[in-house]
Amino acid sequence: MTVRRSAEGRPDRALALLWRNHRPLAVKAKGRRPSLDVDEVVATGIRLADSDGLTAASMGGVAKELGVGTMTLYTYVPSKDELLELMVDQVLGERELPGPDQRPAGWRAQVALYADETRAMFRRHPWLSQVSPIRPPVGPGMLAGREYLLAVMSTLALSPRDINIAAVTVTSYVDSAASLAAESALIERTTGQSHDAWWTDRSELWETYFDVERHPAMTAVWNAGGFDAGPVDVAAESYQYGLERLLDGIEAKAGPAMT
């Protein structure tokens, strides 16, 4: 299930919050220091979502965790939509994507690093799998990921348009695969049932309902050992297979990387 996160009503307000730490320092107002700040609100929302799921990171839940009234929280973050945008962009910024001088050798290894960092991010924050990727928060975390992949693809002999398309394709594949893996782990955690156990409970399908004549390809692959691996191994292998074939296609289109 996905939830809406884009703060449609006031993009100017959302942008100001997303980029709050990347603007020239404003003149500080005199008076008492605020009891908390936006960073603390966002960190609390992430912590609650990590431990108890996305619904726990409501405005009321965050306010209670911080020991303030809900109306007080609204003076820092005006809505749940904007809180969710801030949470998503914050965790996007956790990915350790090095600059040009610190990247591993070879563009494929650099893409693999992006993929590994993204998958690790989803594992740390499985609630991300419940957040729609449509109209993402246009904050520093999101832009850092885009900048990294565009820089990597720019080392290939691709047109500017193909550089962008290749970067978007990699992002779509990696994010989708990471989201599915995180959702799978979340389902196991919330139901208390492993995927192996789930399939075992449905073993009657093969014993009672499966017709080998209607499914000759499936039967042949099964008899040849194609289904011997468990669902966890299959998921890991299929992800790696898909990423490698995707990079093969980009490489075939571009030719060797520029030096």
C-alpha atoms as a PDB file:
ATOM      1  CA  MET A   1       0.000   0.000   0.000  1.00  0.00           C
ATOM      2  CA  THR A   2       1.271   3.472  -0.830  1.00  0.00           C
ATOM      3  CA  VAL A   3       0.406   6.734   0.840  1.00  0.00           C
ATOM      4  CA  ARG A   4       0.349  10.262  -0.497  1.00  0.00           C
ATOM      5  CA  ARG A   5       3.263  12.404   0.536  1.00  0.00           C
ATOM      6  CA  SER A   6       3.462  15.412  -1.779  1.00  0.00           C
ATOM      7  CA  ALA A   7       2.564  18.675  -0.053  1.00  0.00           C
ATOM      8  CA  GLU A   8       0.473  19.854  -2.985  1.00  0.00           C
ATOM      9  CA  GLY A   9      -1.067  22.922  -1.403  1.00  0.00           C
ATOM     10  CA  ARG A  10       2.033  24.950  -0.516  1.00  0.00           C
ATOM     11  CA  PRO A  11       5.159  23.973  -2.485  1.00  0.00           C
ATOM     12  CA  ASP A  12       6.908  27.161  -1.344  1.00  0.00           C
ATOM     13  CA  ARG A  13       6.432  26.150   2.280  1.00  0.00           C
ATOM     14  CA  ALA A  14       7.629  22.596   1.621  1.00  0.00           C
ATOM     15  CA  LEU A  15      10.726  23.812  -0.242  1.00  0.00           C
ATOM     16  CA  ALA A  16      11.645  26.199   2.557  1.00  0.00           C
ATOM     17  CA  LEU A  17      11.512  23.327   5.046  1.00  0.00           C
ATOM     18  CA  LEU A  18      13.395  20.881   2.816  1.00  0.00           C
ATOM     19  CA  TRP A  19      16.219  23.365   2.237  1.00  0.00           C
ATOM     20  CA  ARG A  20      16.181  24.869   5.735  1.00  0.00           C
ATOM     21  CA  ASN A  21      19.821  23.903   6.383  1.00  0.00           C
ATOM     22  CA  HIS A  22      21.087  25.048   2.977  1.00  0.00           C
ATOM     23  CA  ARG A  23      20.166  28.720   2.999  1.00  0.00           C
ATOM     24  CA  PRO A  24      22.118  31.767   4.203  1.00  0.00           C
ATOM     25  CA  LEU A  25      21.663  32.162   7.922  1.00  0.00           C
ATOM     26  CA  ALA A  26      18.847  34.523   8.734  1.00  0.00           C
ATOM     27  CA  VAL A  27      19.108  37.150  11.440  1.00  0.00           C
ATOM     28  CA  LYS A  28      18.263  35.440  14.694  1.00  0.00           C
ATOM     29  CA  ALA A  29      15.290  36.800  16.514  1.00  0.00           C
ATOM     30  CA  LYS A  30      15.771  37.874  20.097  1.00  0.00           C
ATOM     31  CA  GLY A  31      13.977  36.058  22.831  1.00  0.00           C
ATOM     32  CA  ARG A  32      13.789  32.595  24.321  1.00  0.00           C
ATOM     33  CA  ARG A  33      15.319  29.725  22.382  1.00  0.00           C
ATOM     34  CA  PRO A  34      12.658  27.400  20.905  1.00  0.00           C
ATOM     35  CA  SER A  35      12.146  24.188  22.877  1.00  0.00           C
ATOM     36  CA  LEU A  36      12.769  22.089  19.737  1.00  0.00           C
ATOM     37  CA  ASP A  37      13.476  22.470  16.035  1.00  0.00           C
ATOM     38  CA  VAL A  38      12.467  20.974  12.691  1.00  0.00           C
ATOM     39  CA  ASP A  39      15.435  18.587  12.645  1.00  0.00           C
ATOM     40  CA  GLU A  40      14.338  17.100  15.963  1.00  0.00           C
ATOM     41  CA  VAL A  41      10.752  16.733  14.748  1.00  0.00           C
ATOM     42  CA  VAL A  42      11.902  14.939  11.587  1.00  0.00           C
ATOM     43  CA  ALA A  43      14.298  12.653  13.475  1.00  0.00           C
ATOM     44  CA  THR A  44      11.508  11.692  15.873  1.00  0.00           C
ATOM     45  CA  GLY A  45       9.141  10.907  13.012  1.00  0.00           C
ATOM     46  CA  ILE A  46      11.764   8.666  11.399  1.00  0.00           C
ATOM     47  CA  ARG A  47      12.485   6.898  14.675  1.00  0.00           C
ATOM     48  CA  LEU A  48       8.791   6.179  15.280  1.00  0.00           C
ATOM     49  CA  ALA A  49       8.262   4.950  11.717  1.00  0.00           C
ATOM     50  CA  ASP A  50      11.316   2.688  11.970  1.00  0.00           C
ATOM     51  CA  SER A  51      10.167   1.070  15.198  1.00  0.00           C
ATOM     52  CA  ASP A  52       6.374   1.030  14.927  1.00  0.00           C
ATOM     53  CA  GLY A  53       5.474   1.669  11.288  1.00  0.00           C
ATOM     54  CA  LEU A  54       4.502   4.714   9.291  1.00  0.00           C
ATOM     55  CA  THR A  55       1.158   5.218  11.036  1.00  0.00           C
ATOM     56  CA  ALA A  56       3.015   5.797  14.312  1.00  0.00           C
ATOM     57  CA  ALA A  57       4.654   8.888  12.801  1.00  0.00           C
ATOM     58  CA  SER A  58       1.444  10.913  12.927  1.00  0.00           C
ATOM     59  CA  MET A  59       1.526  14.499  14.077  1.00  0.00           C
ATOM     60  CA  GLY A  60      -0.069  13.425  17.337  1.00  0.00           C
ATOM     61  CA  GLY A  61       2.343  10.525  17.785  1.00  0.00           C
ATOM     62  CA  VAL A  62       5.393  12.689  17.150  1.00  0.00           C
ATOM     63  CA  ALA A  63       4.097  15.405  19.473  1.00  0.00           C
ATOM     64  CA  LYS A  64       3.526  12.883  22.250  1.00  0.00           C
ATOM     65  CA  GLU A  65       7.015  11.430  21.800  1.00  0.00           C
ATOM     66  CA  LEU A  66       8.503  14.925  22.048  1.00  0.00           C
ATOM     67  CA  GLY A  67       6.384  15.830  25.044  1.00  0.00           C
ATOM     68  CA  VAL A  68       4.629  18.765  23.407  1.00  0.00           C
ATOM     69  CA  GLY A  69       1.099  19.474  22.276  1.00  0.00           C
ATOM     70  CA  THR A  70       0.053  18.653  18.733  1.00  0.00           C
ATOM     71  CA  MET A  71      -0.718  22.297  18.037  1.00  0.00           C
ATOM     72  CA  THR A  72       2.816  23.201  19.122  1.00  0.00           C
ATOM     73  CA  LEU A  73       4.192  20.751  16.564  1.00  0.00           C
ATOM     74  CA  TYR A  74       2.271  22.496  13.790  1.00  0.00           C
ATOM     75  CA  THR A  75       4.358  25.627  14.386  1.00  0.00           C
ATOM     76  CA  TYR A  76       7.424  23.669  13.212  1.00  0.00           C
ATOM     77  CA  VAL A  77       5.945  21.409  10.521  1.00  0.00           C
ATOM     78  CA  PRO A  78       2.551  22.573   9.208  1.00  0.00           C
ATOM     79  CA  SER A  79       1.125  19.186   8.117  1.00  0.00           C
ATOM     80  CA  LYS A  80       1.617  15.414   8.014  1.00  0.00           C
ATOM     81  CA  ASP A  81       2.282  15.621   4.260  1.00  0.00           C
ATOM     82  CA  GLU A  82       5.194  17.962   4.840  1.00  0.00           C
ATOM     83  CA  LEU A  83       6.496  15.886   7.742  1.00  0.00           C
ATOM     84  CA  LEU A  84       6.552  12.832   5.492  1.00  0.00           C
ATOM     85  CA  GLU A  85       8.372  14.742   2.745  1.00  0.00           C
ATOM     86  CA  LEU A  86      10.995  15.832   5.259  1.00  0.00           C
ATOM     87  CA  MET A  87      11.384  12.297   6.598  1.00  0.00           C
ATOM     88  CA  VAL A  88      11.823  10.817   3.121  1.00  0.00           C
ATOM     89  CA  ASP A  89      14.375  13.395   2.021  1.00  0.00           C
ATOM     90  CA  GLN A  90      16.283  13.017   5.279  1.00  0.00           C
ATOM     91  CA  VAL A  91      16.748   9.268   4.811  1.00  0.00           C
ATOM     92  CA  LEU A  92      17.601   9.749   1.124  1.00  0.00           C
ATOM     93  CA  GLY A  93      20.443  11.927   2.338  1.00  0.00           C
ATOM     94  CA  GLU A  94      21.798   9.111   4.528  1.00  0.00           C
ATOM     95  CA  ARG A  95      23.219   7.343   1.497  1.00  0.00           C
ATOM     96  CA  GLU A  96      27.005   7.670   1.409  1.00  0.00           C
ATOM     97  CA  LEU A  97      27.549   8.628  -2.217  1.00  0.00           C
ATOM     98  CA  PRO A  98      31.153   9.816  -2.571  1.00  0.00           C
ATOM     99  CA  GLY A  99      32.435  12.633  -4.736  1.00  0.00           C
ATOM    100  CA  PRO A 100      34.429  12.022  -7.932  1.00  0.00           C
ATOM    101  CA  ASP A 101      37.771  11.580  -6.161  1.00  0.00           C
ATOM    102  CA  GLN A 102      36.498   8.945  -3.726  1.00  0.00           C
ATOM    103  CA  ARG A 103      34.405   6.753  -6.025  1.00  0.00           C
ATOM    104  CA  PRO A 104      35.395   3.156  -6.832  1.00  0.00           C
ATOM    105  CA  ALA A 105      37.068   2.511 -10.166  1.00  0.00           C
ATOM    106  CA  GLY A 106      34.717   1.818 -13.066  1.00  0.00           C
ATOM    107  CA  TRP A 107      31.239   3.115 -13.743  1.00  0.00           C
ATOM    108  CA  ARG A 108      29.587  -0.245 -13.064  1.00  0.00           C
ATOM    109  CA  ALA A 109      31.132  -0.378  -9.597  1.00  0.00           C
ATOM    110  CA  GLN A 110      29.918   3.170  -9.005  1.00  0.00           C
ATOM    111  CA  VAL A 111      26.361   2.207  -9.943  1.00  0.00           C
ATOM    112  CA  ALA A 112      26.652  -0.868  -7.699  1.00  0.00           C
ATOM    113  CA  LEU A 113      27.634   1.410  -4.810  1.00  0.00           C
ATOM    114  CA  TYR A 114      24.533   3.540  -5.425  1.00  0.00           C
ATOM    115  CA  ALA A 115      22.411   0.387  -5.504  1.00  0.00           C
ATOM    116  CA  ASP A 116      23.942  -0.996  -2.302  1.00  0.00           C
ATOM    117  CA  GLU A 117      23.449   2.285  -0.453  1.00  0.00           C
ATOM    118  CA  THR A 118      19.841   2.513  -1.612  1.00  0.00           C
ATOM    119  CA  ARG A 119      19.026  -1.063  -0.627  1.00  0.00           C
ATOM    120  CA  ALA A 120      20.629  -0.527   2.782  1.00  0.00           C
ATOM    121  CA  MET A 121      18.536   2.621   3.221  1.00  0.00           C
ATOM    122  CA  PHE A 122      15.323   0.681   2.539  1.00  0.00           C
ATOM    123  CA  ARG A 123      16.388  -2.045   4.988  1.00  0.00           C
ATOM    124  CA  ARG A 124      16.940   0.548   7.721  1.00  0.00           C
ATOM    125  CA  HIS A 125      13.637   2.255   6.953  1.00  0.00           C
ATOM    126  CA  PRO A 126      11.181  -0.382   5.637  1.00  0.00           C
ATOM    127  CA  TRP A 127       8.310   2.110   5.814  1.00  0.00           C
ATOM    128  CA  LEU A 128       9.747   3.676   2.655  1.00  0.00           C
ATOM    129  CA  SER A 129       8.116   0.823   0.742  1.00  0.00           C
ATOM    130  CA  GLN A 130       4.731   2.311   1.699  1.00  0.00           C
ATOM    131  CA  VAL A 131       5.529   5.757   0.316  1.00  0.00           C
ATOM    132  CA  SER A 132       4.695   6.570  -3.290  1.00  0.00           C
ATOM    133  CA  PRO A 133       7.743   7.526  -5.397  1.00  0.00           C
ATOM    134  CA  ILE A 134       5.566   9.766  -7.570  1.00  0.00           C
ATOM    135  CA  ARG A 135       6.335  13.476  -7.103  1.00  0.00           C
ATOM    136  CA  PRO A 136       9.206  12.974  -4.658  1.00  0.00           C
ATOM    137  CA  PRO A 137      10.409  15.630  -2.213  1.00  0.00           C
ATOM    138  CA  VAL A 138      12.720  17.922  -4.159  1.00  0.00           C
ATOM    139  CA  GLY A 139      15.176  18.362  -1.341  1.00  0.00           C
ATOM    140  CA  PRO A 140      18.937  17.933  -0.914  1.00  0.00           C
ATOM    141  CA  GLY A 141      18.695  14.195  -0.273  1.00  0.00           C
ATOM    142  CA  MET A 142      16.855  13.479  -3.506  1.00  0.00           C
ATOM    143  CA  LEU A 143      19.046  15.796  -5.560  1.00  0.00           C
ATOM    144  CA  ALA A 144      22.244  14.240  -4.180  1.00  0.00           C
ATOM    145  CA  GLY A 145      21.202  10.848  -5.547  1.00  0.00           C
ATOM    146  CA  ARG A 146      20.318  12.310  -8.928  1.00  0.00           C
ATOM    147  CA  GLU A 147      23.599  14.223  -9.120  1.00  0.00           C
ATOM    148  CA  TYR A 148      25.602  11.094  -8.313  1.00  0.00           C
ATOM    149  CA  LEU A 149      24.014   8.931 -11.009  1.00  0.00           C
ATOM    150  CA  LEU A 150      24.105  11.664 -13.642  1.00  0.00           C
ATOM    151  CA  ALA A 151      27.814  12.154 -12.937  1.00  0.00           C
ATOM    152  CA  VAL A 152      28.439   8.417 -13.316  1.00  0.00           C
ATOM    153  CA  MET A 153      26.484   8.184 -16.574  1.00  0.00           C
ATOM    154  CA  SER A 154      28.293  11.258 -17.891  1.00  0.00           C
ATOM    155  CA  THR A 155      31.500   9.204 -18.058  1.00  0.00           C
ATOM    156  CA  LEU A 156      29.901   7.131 -20.831  1.00  0.00           C
ATOM    157  CA  ALA A 157      29.645   8.075 -24.492  1.00  0.00           C
ATOM    158  CA  LEU A 158      25.943   8.878 -24.234  1.00  0.00           C
ATOM    159  CA  SER A 159      23.942  11.847 -25.453  1.00  0.00           C
ATOM    160  CA  PRO A 160      22.706  14.217 -22.730  1.00  0.00           C
ATOM    161  CA  ARG A 161      19.195  12.812 -23.159  1.00  0.00           C
ATOM    162  CA  ASP A 162      20.433   9.226 -22.839  1.00  0.00           C
ATOM    163  CA  ILE A 163      22.488  10.161 -19.767  1.00  0.00           C
ATOM    164  CA  ASN A 164      19.299  11.295 -18.077  1.00  0.00           C
ATOM    165  CA  ILE A 165      17.282   8.297 -19.304  1.00  0.00           C
ATOM    166  CA  ALA A 166      19.955   5.844 -18.144  1.00  0.00           C
ATOM    167  CA  ALA A 167      20.083   7.466 -14.697  1.00  0.00           C
ATOM    168  CA  VAL A 168      16.291   7.414 -14.365  1.00  0.00           C
ATOM    169  CA  THR A 169      16.170   3.769 -15.480  1.00  0.00           C
ATOM    170  CA  VAL A 170      18.746   2.725 -12.888  1.00  0.00           C
ATOM    171  CA  THR A 171      16.894   4.671 -10.196  1.00  0.00           C
ATOM    172  CA  SER A 172      13.567   3.072 -11.139  1.00  0.00           C
ATOM    173  CA  TYR A 173      14.985  -0.449 -11.107  1.00  0.00           C
ATOM    174  CA  VAL A 174      16.986  -0.128  -7.895  1.00  0.00           C
ATOM    175  CA  ASP A 175      14.273   1.723  -5.980  1.00  0.00           C
ATOM    176  CA  SER A 176      11.569  -0.737  -7.063  1.00  0.00           C
ATOM    177  CA  ALA A 177      13.650  -3.777  -6.143  1.00  0.00           C
ATOM    178  CA  ALA A 178      14.704  -2.253  -2.822  1.00  0.00           C
ATOM    179  CA  SER A 179      11.112  -1.308  -2.042  1.00  0.00           C
ATOM    180  CA  LEU A 180       9.861  -4.843  -2.740  1.00  0.00           C
ATOM    181  CA  ALA A 181      12.577  -6.327  -0.525  1.00  0.00           C
ATOM    182  CA  ALA A 182      11.721  -3.902   2.276  1.00  0.00           C
ATOM    183  CA  GLU A 183       8.006  -4.626   1.924  1.00  0.00           C
ATOM    184  CA  SER A 184       8.725  -8.350   2.039  1.00  0.00           C
ATOM    185  CA  ALA A 185      10.703  -7.952   5.261  1.00  0.00           C
ATOM    186  CA  LEU A 186       7.971  -5.735   6.701  1.00  0.00           C
ATOM    187  CA  ILE A 187       5.299  -8.346   5.955  1.00  0.00           C
ATOM    188  CA  GLU A 188       7.382 -11.047   7.638  1.00  0.00           C
ATOM    189  CA  ARG A 189       7.839  -8.839  10.684  1.00  0.00           C
ATOM    190  CA  THR A 190       4.201  -7.805  11.019  1.00  0.00           C
ATOM    191  CA  THR A 191       2.704 -11.259  10.346  1.00  0.00           C
ATOM    192  CA  GLY A 192       5.351 -13.338  12.118  1.00  0.00           C
ATOM    193  CA  GLN A 193       5.347 -15.782   9.195  1.00  0.00           C
ATOM    194  CA  SER A 194       8.336 -16.423   6.930  1.00  0.00           C
ATOM    195  CA  HIS A 195       7.895 -16.664   3.182  1.00  0.00           C
ATOM    196  CA  ASP A 196       8.939 -20.322   3.264  1.00  0.00           C
ATOM    197  CA  ALA A 197       6.190 -20.978   5.806  1.00  0.00           C
ATOM    198  CA  TRP A 198       3.692 -19.059   3.669  1.00  0.00           C
ATOM    199  CA  TRP A 199       4.432 -21.303   0.676  1.00  0.00           C
ATOM    200  CA  THR A 200       4.365 -24.427   2.848  1.00  0.00           C
ATOM    201  CA  ASP A 201       0.839 -23.520   3.962  1.00  0.00           C
ATOM    202  CA  ARG A 202      -0.154 -23.537   0.291  1.00  0.00           C
ATOM    203  CA  SER A 203       1.471 -26.827  -0.661  1.00  0.00           C
ATOM    204  CA  GLU A 204      -1.968 -28.239  -1.471  1.00  0.00           C
ATOM    205  CA  LEU A 205      -1.832 -26.160  -4.658  1.00  0.00           C
ATOM    206  CA  TRP A 206       0.794 -28.521  -6.120  1.00  0.00           C
ATOM    207  CA  GLU A 207      -0.716 -31.691  -4.698  1.00  0.00           C
ATOM    208  CA  THR A 208      -4.350 -31.074  -5.608  1.00  0.00           C
ATOM    209  CA  TYR A 209      -4.779 -28.337  -8.191  1.00  0.00           C
ATOM    210  CA  PHE A 210      -1.617 -28.108 -10.301  1.00  0.00           C
ATOM    211  CA  ASP A 211      -2.042 -29.545 -13.830  1.00  0.00           C
ATOM    212  CA  VAL A 212       1.253 -30.423 -15.537  1.00  0.00           C
ATOM    213  CA  GLU A 213      -0.392 -30.465 -18.976  1.00  0.00           C
ATOM    214  CA  ARG A 214      -1.582 -26.878 -18.633  1.00  0.00           C
ATOM    215  CA  HIS A 215       1.796 -25.708 -17.313  1.00  0.00           C
ATOM    216  CA  PRO A 216       4.430 -27.605 -19.318  1.00  0.00           C
ATOM    217  CA  ALA A 217       7.130 -24.914 -19.079  1.00  0.00           C
ATOM    218  CA  MET A 218       6.757 -24.604 -15.317  1.00  0.00           C
ATOM    219  CA  THR A 219       6.859 -28.381 -14.963  1.00  0.00           C
ATOM    220  CA  ALA A 220       9.997 -28.690 -17.092  1.00  0.00           C
ATOM    221  CA  VAL A 221      11.833 -25.970 -15.161  1.00  0.00           C
ATOM    222  CA  TRP A 222      10.754 -27.536 -11.864  1.00  0.00           C
ATOM    223  CA  ASN A 223      11.919 -31.010 -12.862  1.00  0.00           C
ATOM    224  CA  ALA A 224      15.268 -29.579 -14.013  1.00  0.00           C
ATOM    225  CA  GLY A 225      15.902 -27.966 -10.618  1.00  0.00           C
ATOM    226  CA  GLY A 226      15.043 -24.398 -11.559  1.00  0.00           C
ATOM    227  CA  PHE A 227      12.935 -23.924  -8.440  1.00  0.00           C
ATOM    228  CA  ASP A 228      15.320 -25.550  -5.968  1.00  0.00           C
ATOM    229  CA  ALA A 229      16.437 -22.264  -4.388  1.00  0.00           C
ATOM    230  CA  GLY A 230      14.334 -20.703  -1.655  1.00  0.00           C
ATOM    231  CA  PRO A 231      12.449 -17.419  -2.134  1.00  0.00           C
ATOM    232  CA  VAL A 232      15.111 -15.377  -0.323  1.00  0.00           C
ATOM    233  CA  ASP A 233      17.899 -16.674  -2.566  1.00  0.00           C
ATOM    234  CA  VAL A 234      15.771 -16.269  -5.684  1.00  0.00           C
ATOM    235  CA  ALA A 235      14.993 -12.657  -4.774  1.00  0.00           C
ATOM    236  CA  ALA A 236      18.677 -11.834  -4.258  1.00  0.00           C
ATOM    237  CA  GLU A 237      19.796 -13.593  -7.435  1.00  0.00           C
ATOM    238  CA  SER A 238      17.031 -12.117  -9.580  1.00  0.00           C
ATOM    239  CA  TYR A 239      17.870  -8.615  -8.345  1.00  0.00           C
ATOM    240  CA  GLN A 240      21.552  -9.032  -9.199  1.00  0.00           C
ATOM    241  CA  TYR A 241      20.701 -10.628 -12.546  1.00  0.00           C
ATOM    242  CA  GLY A 242      18.405  -7.754 -13.467  1.00  0.00           C
ATOM    243  CA  LEU A 243      20.913  -5.079 -12.460  1.00  0.00           C
ATOM    244  CA  GLU A 244      23.722  -6.716 -14.443  1.00  0.00           C
ATOM    245  CA  ARG A 245      21.566  -7.069 -17.561  1.00  0.00           C
ATOM    246  CA  LEU A 246      20.432  -3.449 -17.225  1.00  0.00           C
ATOM    247  CA  LEU A 247      24.043  -2.263 -17.058  1.00  0.00           C
ATOM    248  CA  ASP A 248      24.923  -4.529 -19.991  1.00  0.00           C
ATOM    249  CA  GLY A 249      22.281  -2.731 -22.031  1.00  0.00           C
ATOM    250  CA  ILE A 250      23.557   0.717 -21.071  1.00  0.00           C
ATOM    251  CA  GLU A 251      27.110  -0.363 -21.898  1.00  0.00           C
ATOM    252  CA  ALA A 252      26.062  -1.744 -25.282  1.00  0.00           C
ATOM    253  CA  LYS A 253      24.357   1.553 -26.089  1.00  0.00           C
ATOM    254  CA  ALA A 254      27.290   3.690 -24.948  1.00  0.00           C
ATOM    255  CA  GLY A 255      30.442   1.762 -25.704  1.00  0.00           C
ATOM    256  CA  PRO A 256      33.484   2.017 -23.408  1.00  0.00           C
ATOM    257  CA  ALA A 257      33.623   4.649 -20.689  1.00  0.00           C
ATOM    258  CA  MET A 258      35.511   7.855 -21.393  1.00  0.00           C
ATOM    259  CA  THR A 259      38.795   8.388 -19.582  1.00  0.00           C
END
